[in-house]
Amino acid sequence: MTWTREQLLDFCVDRFFKKLNAHDLDGVMQNIADDCEMRIPSSNFTYTGKAALHAHLEDFIQSFPVIHFRDFIAAADPEANRVAVRFNISLTDDEGEETHMSNCNFFEVGEDGRLEDILIFASAPLSKGFQVGNNQ
């Protein structure tokens, strides 16, 4: 499938970040390829395959009743189906503890319109909401 720059940007922002903001795990998972891999090198987390990603994202959503991805700055390469998105995120856990980060994600979108690879550079150490599904 050939994607335009705008379609790639909308795909990553609307079908990934905004669905996580809304705690729409089913909506996010519809856009994940079966063999997708998500890596967070700064925290040594890797989630390989749809089941591991589902487990991780379910734990993430349950760990943070308030998830707010915002302030997106994005660039897309339609020839390679790749997107880079810089953003701010605020997370609030059940105890009211807040985490604020400024991160950057790199996405690869497959020909079938699902995410095949997600690389995350986080500005703060991650632990709560990230252990489940980790392959490391």
C-alpha atoms as a PDB file:
ATOM      1  CA  MET A   1       0.000   0.000   0.000  1.00  0.00           C
ATOM      2  CA  THR A   2       1.268   3.463  -0.839  1.00  0.00           C
ATOM      3  CA  TRP A   3       0.842   5.957   1.967  1.00  0.00           C
ATOM      4  CA  THR A   4       0.954   9.726   1.735  1.00  0.00           C
ATOM      5  CA  ARG A   5       2.884  11.721   4.293  1.00  0.00           C
ATOM      6  CA  GLU A   6      -0.366  12.934   5.856  1.00  0.00           C
ATOM      7  CA  GLN A   7      -1.817   9.408   6.052  1.00  0.00           C
ATOM      8  CA  LEU A   8       1.297   8.119   7.822  1.00  0.00           C
ATOM      9  CA  LEU A   9       1.254  10.971  10.317  1.00  0.00           C
ATOM     10  CA  ASP A  10      -2.462  10.587  11.012  1.00  0.00           C
ATOM     11  CA  PHE A  11      -2.031   6.827  11.330  1.00  0.00           C
ATOM     12  CA  CYS A  12       0.588   7.057  14.068  1.00  0.00           C
ATOM     13  CA  VAL A  13      -1.008   9.911  15.985  1.00  0.00           C
ATOM     14  CA  ASP A  14      -4.659   8.809  15.693  1.00  0.00           C
ATOM     15  CA  ARG A  15      -4.353   5.018  15.704  1.00  0.00           C
ATOM     16  CA  PHE A  16      -1.614   4.744  18.303  1.00  0.00           C
ATOM     17  CA  PHE A  17      -1.237   7.739  20.619  1.00  0.00           C
ATOM     18  CA  LYS A  18      -4.837   8.953  20.703  1.00  0.00           C
ATOM     19  CA  LYS A  19      -6.162   5.413  21.169  1.00  0.00           C
ATOM     20  CA  LEU A  20      -3.798   4.967  24.130  1.00  0.00           C
ATOM     21  CA  ASN A  21      -5.022   8.289  25.558  1.00  0.00           C
ATOM     22  CA  ALA A  22      -8.553   6.864  25.339  1.00  0.00           C
ATOM     23  CA  HIS A  23      -7.483   3.510  26.877  1.00  0.00           C
ATOM     24  CA  ASP A  24      -8.699   1.830  23.662  1.00  0.00           C
ATOM     25  CA  LEU A  25      -6.505  -1.277  23.736  1.00  0.00           C
ATOM     26  CA  ASP A  26      -8.576  -3.112  21.106  1.00  0.00           C
ATOM     27  CA  GLY A  27      -8.252  -0.131  18.780  1.00  0.00           C
ATOM     28  CA  VAL A  28      -4.477  -0.029  19.215  1.00  0.00           C
ATOM     29  CA  MET A  29      -4.097  -3.783  18.718  1.00  0.00           C
ATOM     30  CA  GLN A  30      -6.023  -3.692  15.419  1.00  0.00           C
ATOM     31  CA  ASN A  31      -3.112  -1.656  14.062  1.00  0.00           C
ATOM     32  CA  ILE A  32      -0.317  -3.946  15.313  1.00  0.00           C
ATOM     33  CA  ALA A  33       1.231  -6.615  13.070  1.00  0.00           C
ATOM     34  CA  ASP A  34       1.487 -10.132  14.504  1.00  0.00           C
ATOM     35  CA  ASP A  35       5.295  -9.971  14.584  1.00  0.00           C
ATOM     36  CA  CYS A  36       5.638  -6.313  15.605  1.00  0.00           C
ATOM     37  CA  GLU A  37       8.502  -5.470  17.922  1.00  0.00           C
ATOM     38  CA  MET A  38       8.608  -2.529  20.339  1.00  0.00           C
ATOM     39  CA  ARG A  39      11.936  -1.559  21.863  1.00  0.00           C
ATOM     40  CA  ILE A  40      12.815   0.934  24.606  1.00  0.00           C
ATOM     41  CA  PRO A  41      16.636   0.754  24.719  1.00  0.00           C
ATOM     42  CA  SER A  42      17.079   3.258  27.563  1.00  0.00           C
ATOM     43  CA  SER A  43      15.151   0.975  29.918  1.00  0.00           C
ATOM     44  CA  ASN A  44      16.187  -2.328  28.320  1.00  0.00           C
ATOM     45  CA  PHE A  45      12.616  -3.311  27.412  1.00  0.00           C
ATOM     46  CA  THR A  46      11.675  -5.287  24.291  1.00  0.00           C
ATOM     47  CA  TYR A  47       8.224  -6.624  23.454  1.00  0.00           C
ATOM     48  CA  THR A  48       8.219  -9.069  20.550  1.00  0.00           C
ATOM     49  CA  GLY A  49       4.987 -10.181  18.913  1.00  0.00           C
ATOM     50  CA  LYS A  50       1.377  -9.149  19.262  1.00  0.00           C
ATOM     51  CA  ALA A  51       0.771 -11.141  22.477  1.00  0.00           C
ATOM     52  CA  ALA A  52       3.705  -9.497  24.283  1.00  0.00           C
ATOM     53  CA  LEU A  53       2.635  -6.054  23.077  1.00  0.00           C
ATOM     54  CA  HIS A  54      -0.939  -6.691  24.181  1.00  0.00           C
ATOM     55  CA  ALA A  55       0.254  -7.750  27.651  1.00  0.00           C
ATOM     56  CA  HIS A  56       2.500  -4.688  27.935  1.00  0.00           C
ATOM     57  CA  LEU A  57      -0.080  -2.174  26.708  1.00  0.00           C
ATOM     58  CA  GLU A  58      -2.803  -3.682  28.907  1.00  0.00           C
ATOM     59  CA  ASP A  59      -0.507  -3.307  31.942  1.00  0.00           C
ATOM     60  CA  PHE A  60       0.428   0.227  30.834  1.00  0.00           C
ATOM     61  CA  ILE A  61      -3.223   1.283  30.540  1.00  0.00           C
ATOM     62  CA  GLN A  62      -4.124  -0.324  33.877  1.00  0.00           C
ATOM     63  CA  SER A  63      -1.114   1.256  35.611  1.00  0.00           C
ATOM     64  CA  PHE A  64      -1.983   4.779  34.489  1.00  0.00           C
ATOM     65  CA  PRO A  65      -5.637   5.848  34.649  1.00  0.00           C
ATOM     66  CA  VAL A  66      -4.566   9.147  33.079  1.00  0.00           C
ATOM     67  CA  ILE A  67      -2.450   8.958  29.911  1.00  0.00           C
ATOM     68  CA  HIS A  68      -1.953  12.150  27.950  1.00  0.00           C
ATOM     69  CA  PHE A  69       0.181  12.060  24.796  1.00  0.00           C
ATOM     70  CA  ARG A  70       0.274  15.557  23.246  1.00  0.00           C
ATOM     71  CA  ASP A  71       2.284  18.238  21.434  1.00  0.00           C
ATOM     72  CA  PHE A  72       3.150  16.063  18.458  1.00  0.00           C
ATOM     73  CA  ILE A  73       5.936  17.033  16.075  1.00  0.00           C
ATOM     74  CA  ALA A  74       6.173  14.454  13.319  1.00  0.00           C
ATOM     75  CA  ALA A  75       8.063  13.639  10.147  1.00  0.00           C
ATOM     76  CA  ALA A  76       7.197  10.924   7.659  1.00  0.00           C
ATOM     77  CA  ASP A  77       9.030   9.114   4.873  1.00  0.00           C
ATOM     78  CA  PRO A  78       6.307   7.740   2.552  1.00  0.00           C
ATOM     79  CA  GLU A  79       8.817   5.877   0.379  1.00  0.00           C
ATOM     80  CA  ALA A  80       9.918   3.762   3.353  1.00  0.00           C
ATOM     81  CA  ASN A  81       6.619   3.868   5.339  1.00  0.00           C
ATOM     82  CA  ARG A  82       8.439   5.307   8.350  1.00  0.00           C
ATOM     83  CA  VAL A  83       7.368   7.960  10.834  1.00  0.00           C
ATOM     84  CA  ALA A  84       9.187   9.794  13.629  1.00  0.00           C
ATOM     85  CA  VAL A  85       7.093  11.511  16.298  1.00  0.00           C
ATOM     86  CA  ARG A  86       8.379  13.704  19.116  1.00  0.00           C
ATOM     87  CA  PHE A  87       5.823  14.345  21.841  1.00  0.00           C
ATOM     88  CA  ASN A  88       5.186  15.129  25.473  1.00  0.00           C
ATOM     89  CA  ILE A  89       3.460  12.659  27.729  1.00  0.00           C
ATOM     90  CA  SER A  90       1.978  12.895  31.208  1.00  0.00           C
ATOM     91  CA  LEU A  91       1.100   9.751  33.137  1.00  0.00           C
ATOM     92  CA  THR A  92      -0.829   9.632  36.421  1.00  0.00           C
ATOM     93  CA  ASP A  93      -0.985   6.397  38.414  1.00  0.00           C
ATOM     94  CA  ASP A  94      -3.651   5.228  40.895  1.00  0.00           C
ATOM     95  CA  GLU A  95      -1.898   6.994  43.778  1.00  0.00           C
ATOM     96  CA  GLY A  96      -1.867  10.305  41.897  1.00  0.00           C
ATOM     97  CA  GLU A  97       1.878  10.204  41.203  1.00  0.00           C
ATOM     98  CA  GLU A  98       2.652  11.982  37.953  1.00  0.00           C
ATOM     99  CA  THR A  99       5.368  11.281  35.415  1.00  0.00           C
ATOM    100  CA  HIS A 100       6.146  13.802  32.681  1.00  0.00           C
ATOM    101  CA  MET A 101       8.379  13.006  29.732  1.00  0.00           C
ATOM    102  CA  SER A 102       9.383  14.330  26.348  1.00  0.00           C
ATOM    103  CA  ASN A 103       9.928  11.285  24.115  1.00  0.00           C
ATOM    104  CA  CYS A 104      10.440  10.306  20.515  1.00  0.00           C
ATOM    105  CA  ASN A 105       9.007   7.225  18.785  1.00  0.00           C
ATOM    106  CA  PHE A 106      10.038   5.797  15.444  1.00  0.00           C
ATOM    107  CA  PHE A 107       7.422   3.712  13.598  1.00  0.00           C
ATOM    108  CA  GLU A 108       7.563   1.412  10.580  1.00  0.00           C
ATOM    109  CA  VAL A 109       4.212   0.762   8.916  1.00  0.00           C
ATOM    110  CA  GLY A 110       3.783  -2.397   6.864  1.00  0.00           C
ATOM    111  CA  GLU A 111       2.205  -2.707   3.447  1.00  0.00           C
ATOM    112  CA  ASP A 112      -0.895  -4.130   5.152  1.00  0.00           C
ATOM    113  CA  GLY A 113      -1.337  -0.925   7.161  1.00  0.00           C
ATOM    114  CA  ARG A 114      -0.216  -2.254  10.539  1.00  0.00           C
ATOM    115  CA  LEU A 115       2.714  -1.273  12.711  1.00  0.00           C
ATOM    116  CA  GLU A 116       5.672  -3.603  12.255  1.00  0.00           C
ATOM    117  CA  ASP A 117       8.300  -1.872  14.402  1.00  0.00           C
ATOM    118  CA  ILE A 118       8.256   0.726  17.188  1.00  0.00           C
ATOM    119  CA  LEU A 119      11.428   2.208  18.660  1.00  0.00           C
ATOM    120  CA  ILE A 120      10.968   4.457  21.702  1.00  0.00           C
ATOM    121  CA  PHE A 121      13.443   6.923  23.177  1.00  0.00           C
ATOM    122  CA  ALA A 122      12.153   7.934  26.618  1.00  0.00           C
ATOM    123  CA  SER A 123      13.439  10.920  28.585  1.00  0.00           C
ATOM    124  CA  ALA A 124      12.881   9.296  31.983  1.00  0.00           C
ATOM    125  CA  PRO A 125      13.493   5.828  33.404  1.00  0.00           C
ATOM    126  CA  LEU A 126      10.524   3.527  33.027  1.00  0.00           C
ATOM    127  CA  SER A 127       9.360   0.778  35.364  1.00  0.00           C
ATOM    128  CA  LYS A 128       5.704   0.747  36.413  1.00  0.00           C
ATOM    129  CA  GLY A 129       3.505  -0.281  33.497  1.00  0.00           C
ATOM    130  CA  PHE A 130       6.429  -1.595  31.471  1.00  0.00           C
ATOM    131  CA  GLN A 131       7.535  -4.916  33.050  1.00  0.00           C
ATOM    132  CA  VAL A 132       4.746  -7.168  31.731  1.00  0.00           C
ATOM    133  CA  GLY A 133       5.465  -8.679  28.304  1.00  0.00           C
ATOM    134  CA  ASN A 134       9.141  -7.691  28.350  1.00  0.00           C
ATOM    135  CA  ASN A 135      11.311 -10.232  26.508  1.00  0.00           C
ATOM    136  CA  GLN A 136      14.613  -9.072  28.069  1.00  0.00           C
END
